């Protein structure tokens, strides 16, 4: 899997993951917990399944 999200997207997904994790704990929601774990994975791996499906890439080009 090639990275397809950049640093700003990763930070946003990390913040959303933290929010979902707190929400899942507060509401005891397994669904929110699952989304939180998936969002943490996206942030860690710099890869978004939805972006991959639609062919988007927000990762900056490597410097030469």
PDB file of N, CA and C in Angstrom:
ATOM      1  N   UNK A   1       0.835  -1.178   0.000  1.00  0.00           N
ATOM      2  CA  UNK A   1       0.000   0.000   0.000  1.00  0.00           C
ATOM      3  C   UNK A   1       0.882   1.244   0.000  1.00  0.00           C
ATOM      4  N   UNK A   2       0.673   2.065  -1.002  1.00  0.00           N
ATOM      5  CA  UNK A   2       1.392   3.328  -1.065  1.00  0.00           C
ATOM      6  C   UNK A   2       0.641   4.367  -0.246  1.00  0.00           C
ATOM      7  N   UNK A   3       1.360   5.237   0.473  1.00  0.00           N
ATOM      8  CA  UNK A   3       0.676   6.302   1.225  1.00  0.00           C
ATOM      9  C   UNK A   3      -0.110   7.205   0.282  1.00  0.00           C
ATOM     10  N   UNK A   4      -1.325   7.569   0.685  1.00  0.00           N
ATOM     11  CA  UNK A   4      -2.126   8.455  -0.156  1.00  0.00           C
ATOM     12  C   UNK A   4      -2.756   9.603   0.630  1.00  0.00           C
ATOM     13  N   UNK A   5      -2.321   9.813   1.883  1.00  0.00           N
ATOM     14  CA  UNK A   5      -2.765  10.989   2.633  1.00  0.00           C
ATOM     15  C   UNK A   5      -1.542  11.700   3.190  1.00  0.00           C
ATOM     16  N   UNK A   6      -1.601  13.007   3.223  1.00  0.00           N
ATOM     17  CA  UNK A   6      -0.491  13.824   3.704  1.00  0.00           C
ATOM     18  C   UNK A   6      -0.578  14.067   5.208  1.00  0.00           C
ATOM     19  N   UNK A   7       0.353  14.874   5.689  1.00  0.00           N
ATOM     20  CA  UNK A   7       0.449  15.144   7.118  1.00  0.00           C
ATOM     21  C   UNK A   7      -0.780  15.851   7.690  1.00  0.00           C
ATOM     22  N   UNK A   8      -1.329  16.880   7.031  1.00  0.00           N
ATOM     23  CA  UNK A   8      -2.529  17.511   7.612  1.00  0.00           C
ATOM     24  C   UNK A   8      -3.698  16.536   7.750  1.00  0.00           C
ATOM     25  N   UNK A   9      -3.888  15.676   6.754  1.00  0.00           N
ATOM     26  CA  UNK A   9      -4.947  14.671   6.827  1.00  0.00           C
ATOM     27  C   UNK A   9      -4.688  13.667   7.942  1.00  0.00           C
ATOM     28  N   UNK A  10      -3.428  13.292   8.121  1.00  0.00           N
ATOM     29  CA  UNK A  10      -3.086  12.346   9.183  1.00  0.00           C
ATOM     30  C   UNK A  10      -3.390  12.928  10.556  1.00  0.00           C
ATOM     31  N   UNK A  11      -3.049  14.204  10.752  1.00  0.00           N
ATOM     32  CA  UNK A  11      -3.315  14.832  12.039  1.00  0.00           C
ATOM     33  C   UNK A  11      -4.804  14.974  12.300  1.00  0.00           C
ATOM     34  N   UNK A  12      -5.557  15.303  11.262  1.00  0.00           N
ATOM     35  CA  UNK A  12      -7.007  15.403  11.404  1.00  0.00           C
ATOM     36  C   UNK A  12      -7.606  14.041  11.757  1.00  0.00           C
ATOM     37  N   UNK A  13      -7.159  12.995  11.096  1.00  0.00           N
ATOM     38  CA  UNK A  13      -7.667  11.654  11.379  1.00  0.00           C
ATOM     39  C   UNK A  13      -7.267  11.203  12.785  1.00  0.00           C
ATOM     40  N   UNK A  14      -6.086  11.602  13.239  1.00  0.00           N
ATOM     41  CA  UNK A  14      -5.672  11.275  14.598  1.00  0.00           C
ATOM     42  C   UNK A  14      -6.593  11.953  15.615  1.00  0.00           C
ATOM     43  N   UNK A  15      -6.925  13.222  15.388  1.00  0.00           N
ATOM     44  CA  UNK A  15      -7.831  13.940  16.285  1.00  0.00           C
ATOM     45  C   UNK A  15      -9.229  13.307  16.269  1.00  0.00           C
ATOM     46  N   UNK A  16      -9.703  12.932  15.095  1.00  0.00           N
ATOM     47  CA  UNK A  16     -11.015  12.271  14.996  1.00  0.00           C
ATOM     48  C   UNK A  16     -10.979  10.923  15.717  1.00  0.00           C
ATOM     49  N   UNK A  17      -9.882  10.204  15.589  1.00  0.00           N
ATOM     50  CA  UNK A  17      -9.745   8.918  16.267  1.00  0.00           C
ATOM     51  C   UNK A  17      -9.776   9.064  17.783  1.00  0.00           C
ATOM     52  N   UNK A  18      -9.102  10.088  18.293  1.00  0.00           N
ATOM     53  CA  UNK A  18      -9.126  10.334  19.739  1.00  0.00           C
ATOM     54  C   UNK A  18     -10.536  10.674  20.189  1.00  0.00           C
ATOM     55  N   UNK A  19     -11.219  11.533  19.429  1.00  0.00           N
ATOM     56  CA  UNK A  19     -12.600  11.886  19.767  1.00  0.00           C
ATOM     57  C   UNK A  19     -13.497  10.654  19.764  1.00  0.00           C
ATOM     58  N   UNK A  20     -13.367   9.814  18.732  1.00  0.00           N
ATOM     59  CA  UNK A  20     -14.194   8.604  18.656  1.00  0.00           C
ATOM     60  C   UNK A  20     -13.888   7.627  19.792  1.00  0.00           C
ATOM     61  N   UNK A  21     -12.621   7.553  20.177  1.00  0.00           N
ATOM     62  CA  UNK A  21     -12.253   6.667  21.279  1.00  0.00           C
ATOM     63  C   UNK A  21     -12.879   7.138  22.588  1.00  0.00           C
ATOM     64  N   UNK A  22     -12.843   8.441  22.847  1.00  0.00           N
ATOM     65  CA  UNK A  22     -13.465   8.988  24.052  1.00  0.00           C
ATOM     66  C   UNK A  22     -14.976   8.788  23.997  1.00  0.00           C
ATOM     67  N   UNK A  23     -15.572   9.031  22.834  1.00  0.00           N
ATOM     68  CA  UNK A  23     -17.010   8.835  22.669  1.00  0.00           C
ATOM     69  C   UNK A  23     -17.401   7.371  22.886  1.00  0.00           C
ATOM     70  N   UNK A  24     -16.586   6.458  22.345  1.00  0.00           N
ATOM     71  CA  UNK A  24     -16.877   5.029  22.500  1.00  0.00           C
ATOM     72  C   UNK A  24     -16.814   4.618  23.965  1.00  0.00           C
ATOM     73  N   UNK A  25     -15.852   5.166  24.690  1.00  0.00           N
ATOM     74  CA  UNK A  25     -15.741   4.847  26.116  1.00  0.00           C
ATOM     75  C   UNK A  25     -16.922   5.420  26.884  1.00  0.00           C
ATOM     76  N   UNK A  26     -17.284   6.658  26.565  1.00  0.00           N
ATOM     77  CA  UNK A  26     -18.364   7.340  27.270  1.00  0.00           C
ATOM     78  C   UNK A  26     -19.714   6.682  27.029  1.00  0.00           C
ATOM     79  N   UNK A  27     -19.981   6.267  25.792  1.00  0.00           N
ATOM     80  CA  UNK A  27     -21.262   5.664  25.428  1.00  0.00           C
ATOM     81  C   UNK A  27     -21.231   4.132  25.429  1.00  0.00           C
ATOM     82  N   UNK A  28     -20.082   3.547  25.723  1.00  0.00           N
ATOM     83  CA  UNK A  28     -19.851   2.089  25.623  1.00  0.00           C
ATOM     84  C   UNK A  28     -20.348   1.550  24.278  1.00  0.00           C
ATOM     85  N   UNK A  29     -19.864   2.180  23.206  1.00  0.00           N
ATOM     86  CA  UNK A  29     -20.265   1.830  21.851  1.00  0.00           C
ATOM     87  C   UNK A  29     -19.137   1.064  21.157  1.00  0.00           C
ATOM     88  N   UNK A  30     -19.402  -0.178  20.811  1.00  0.00           N
ATOM     89  CA  UNK A  30     -18.412  -0.974  20.095  1.00  0.00           C
ATOM     90  C   UNK A  30     -18.244  -0.492  18.661  1.00  0.00           C
ATOM     91  N   UNK A  31     -19.304   0.041  18.086  1.00  0.00           N
ATOM     92  CA  UNK A  31     -19.219   0.553  16.717  1.00  0.00           C
ATOM     93  C   UNK A  31     -18.288   1.765  16.650  1.00  0.00           C
ATOM     94  N   UNK A  32     -18.445   2.688  17.573  1.00  0.00           N
ATOM     95  CA  UNK A  32     -17.563   3.865  17.617  1.00  0.00           C
ATOM     96  C   UNK A  32     -16.127   3.439  17.904  1.00  0.00           C
ATOM     97  N   UNK A  33     -15.947   2.418  18.743  1.00  0.00           N
ATOM     98  CA  UNK A  33     -14.608   1.909  19.026  1.00  0.00           C
ATOM     99  C   UNK A  33     -13.966   1.332  17.763  1.00  0.00           C
ATOM    100  N   UNK A  34     -14.740   0.599  16.974  1.00  0.00           N
ATOM    101  CA  UNK A  34     -14.225   0.042  15.726  1.00  0.00           C
ATOM    102  C   UNK A  34     -13.811   1.130  14.746  1.00  0.00           C
ATOM    103  N   UNK A  35     -14.637   2.171  14.630  1.00  0.00           N
ATOM    104  CA  UNK A  35     -14.281   3.290  13.763  1.00  0.00           C
ATOM    105  C   UNK A  35     -13.042   4.017  14.281  1.00  0.00           C
ATOM    106  N   UNK A  36     -12.903   4.125  15.592  1.00  0.00           N
ATOM    107  CA  UNK A  36     -11.726   4.778  16.177  1.00  0.00           C
ATOM    108  C   UNK A  36     -10.460   4.004  15.840  1.00  0.00           C
ATOM    109  N   UNK A  37     -10.514   2.690  15.972  1.00  0.00           N
ATOM    110  CA  UNK A  37      -9.340   1.861  15.661  1.00  0.00           C
ATOM    111  C   UNK A  37      -8.988   1.974  14.182  1.00  0.00           C
ATOM    112  N   UNK A  38     -10.000   1.945  13.305  1.00  0.00           N
ATOM    113  CA  UNK A  38      -9.738   2.075  11.873  1.00  0.00           C
ATOM    114  C   UNK A  38      -9.156   3.449  11.543  1.00  0.00           C
ATOM    115  N   UNK A  39      -9.640   4.495  12.197  1.00  0.00           N
ATOM    116  CA  UNK A  39      -9.127   5.844  11.970  1.00  0.00           C
ATOM    117  C   UNK A  39      -7.688   5.963  12.454  1.00  0.00           C
ATOM    118  N   UNK A  40      -7.363   5.331  13.595  1.00  0.00           N
ATOM    119  CA  UNK A  40      -5.972   5.308  14.064  1.00  0.00           C
ATOM    120  C   UNK A  40      -5.084   4.583  13.061  1.00  0.00           C
ATOM    121  N   UNK A  41      -5.578   3.486  12.491  1.00  0.00           N
ATOM    122  CA  UNK A  41      -4.802   2.754  11.496  1.00  0.00           C
ATOM    123  C   UNK A  41      -4.530   3.621  10.267  1.00  0.00           C
ATOM    124  N   UNK A  42      -5.563   4.336   9.802  1.00  0.00           N
ATOM    125  CA  UNK A  42      -5.379   5.225   8.646  1.00  0.00           C
ATOM    126  C   UNK A  42      -4.334   6.290   8.945  1.00  0.00           C
ATOM    127  N   UNK A  43      -4.383   6.843  10.140  1.00  0.00           N
ATOM    128  CA  UNK A  43      -3.418   7.870  10.519  1.00  0.00           C
ATOM    129  C   UNK A  43      -2.007   7.293  10.595  1.00  0.00           C
ATOM    130  N   UNK A  44      -1.867   6.103  11.142  1.00  0.00           N
ATOM    131  CA  UNK A  44      -0.561   5.477  11.292  1.00  0.00           C
ATOM    132  C   UNK A  44       0.026   5.062   9.944  1.00  0.00           C
ATOM    133  N   UNK A  45      -0.799   4.468   9.092  1.00  0.00           N
ATOM    134  CA  UNK A  45      -0.313   3.917   7.826  1.00  0.00           C
ATOM    135  C   UNK A  45      -0.287   4.939   6.688  1.00  0.00           C
ATOM    136  N   UNK A  46      -0.855   6.121   6.889  1.00  0.00           N
ATOM    137  CA  UNK A  46      -0.950   7.152   5.841  1.00  0.00           C
ATOM    138  C   UNK A  46      -1.691   6.626   4.623  1.00  0.00           C
ATOM    139  N   UNK A  47      -2.668   5.787   4.841  1.00  0.00           N
ATOM    140  CA  UNK A  47      -3.395   5.170   3.737  1.00  0.00           C
ATOM    141  C   UNK A  47      -4.882   5.189   4.043  1.00  0.00           C
ATOM    142  N   UNK A  48      -5.668   5.660   3.064  1.00  0.00           N
ATOM    143  CA  UNK A  48      -7.120   5.737   3.213  1.00  0.00           C
ATOM    144  C   UNK A  48      -7.759   4.841   2.156  1.00  0.00           C
ATOM    145  N   UNK A  49      -8.620   3.935   2.601  1.00  0.00           N
ATOM    146  CA  UNK A  49      -9.269   3.005   1.678  1.00  0.00           C
ATOM    147  C   UNK A  49     -10.183   3.739   0.703  1.00  0.00           C
ATOM    148  N   UNK A  50     -10.914   4.745   1.187  1.00  0.00           N
ATOM    149  CA  UNK A  50     -11.821   5.498   0.324  1.00  0.00           C
ATOM    150  C   UNK A  50     -11.041   6.261  -0.744  1.00  0.00           C
ATOM    151  N   UNK A  51      -9.943   6.915  -0.355  1.00  0.00           N
ATOM    152  CA  UNK A  51      -9.113   7.610  -1.349  1.00  0.00           C
ATOM    153  C   UNK A  51      -8.571   6.622  -2.375  1.00  0.00           C
ATOM    154  N   UNK A  52      -8.213   5.442  -1.939  1.00  0.00           N
ATOM    155  CA  UNK A  52      -7.707   4.416  -2.853  1.00  0.00           C
ATOM    156  C   UNK A  52      -8.784   4.010  -3.862  1.00  0.00           C
ATOM    157  N   UNK A  53     -10.021   3.869  -3.391  1.00  0.00           N
ATOM    158  CA  UNK A  53     -11.116   3.473  -4.285  1.00  0.00           C
ATOM    159  C   UNK A  53     -11.423   4.527  -5.344  1.00  0.00           C
ATOM    160  N   UNK A  54     -11.356   5.805  -4.971  1.00  0.00           N
ATOM    161  CA  UNK A  54     -11.693   6.857  -5.931  1.00  0.00           C
ATOM    162  C   UNK A  54     -10.468   7.417  -6.657  1.00  0.00           C
ATOM    163  N   UNK A  55      -9.266   6.924  -6.329  1.00  0.00           N
ATOM    164  CA  UNK A  55      -8.064   7.323  -7.042  1.00  0.00           C
ATOM    165  C   UNK A  55      -7.462   8.640  -6.600  1.00  0.00           C
ATOM    166  N   UNK A  56      -7.768   9.103  -5.405  1.00  0.00           N
ATOM    167  CA  UNK A  56      -7.208  10.366  -4.901  1.00  0.00           C
ATOM    168  C   UNK A  56      -5.870  10.103  -4.222  1.00  0.00           C
ATOM    169  N   UNK A  57      -5.012  11.115  -4.217  1.00  0.00           N
ATOM    170  CA  UNK A  57      -3.731  11.032  -3.540  1.00  0.00           C
ATOM    171  C   UNK A  57      -3.395  12.413  -3.000  1.00  0.00           C
ATOM    172  N   UNK A  58      -3.337  12.559  -1.694  1.00  0.00           N
ATOM    173  CA  UNK A  58      -3.018  13.833  -1.060  1.00  0.00           C
ATOM    174  C   UNK A  58      -1.621  13.838  -0.480  1.00  0.00           C
ATOM    175  N   UNK A  59      -0.861  12.831  -0.788  1.00  0.00           N
ATOM    176  CA  UNK A  59       0.504  12.735  -0.295  1.00  0.00           C
ATOM    177  C   UNK A  59       1.407  13.588  -1.196  1.00  0.00           C
ATOM    178  N   UNK A  60       2.289  14.418  -0.597  1.00  0.00           N
ATOM    179  CA  UNK A  60       3.144  15.260  -1.439  1.00  0.00           C
ATOM    180  C   UNK A  60       4.133  14.412  -2.241  1.00  0.00           C
ATOM    181  N   UNK A  61       4.564  14.953  -3.363  1.00  0.00           N
ATOM    182  CA  UNK A  61       5.526  14.273  -4.220  1.00  0.00           C
ATOM    183  C   UNK A  61       6.877  14.217  -3.514  1.00  0.00           C
ATOM    184  N   UNK A  62       7.616  13.127  -3.689  1.00  0.00           N
ATOM    185  CA  UNK A  62       8.959  13.036  -3.056  1.00  0.00           C
ATOM    186  C   UNK A  62       9.914  14.061  -3.659  1.00  0.00           C
ATOM    187  N   UNK A  63      10.749  14.645  -2.818  1.00  0.00           N
ATOM    188  CA  UNK A  63      11.714  15.657  -3.283  1.00  0.00           C
ATOM    189  C   UNK A  63      12.883  14.961  -3.959  1.00  0.00           C
ATOM    190  N   UNK A  64      13.373  15.582  -5.036  1.00  0.00           N
ATOM    191  CA  UNK A  64      14.504  15.001  -5.782  1.00  0.00           C
ATOM    192  C   UNK A  64      15.757  15.745  -5.481  1.00  0.00           C
TER     193      UNK A  64
END
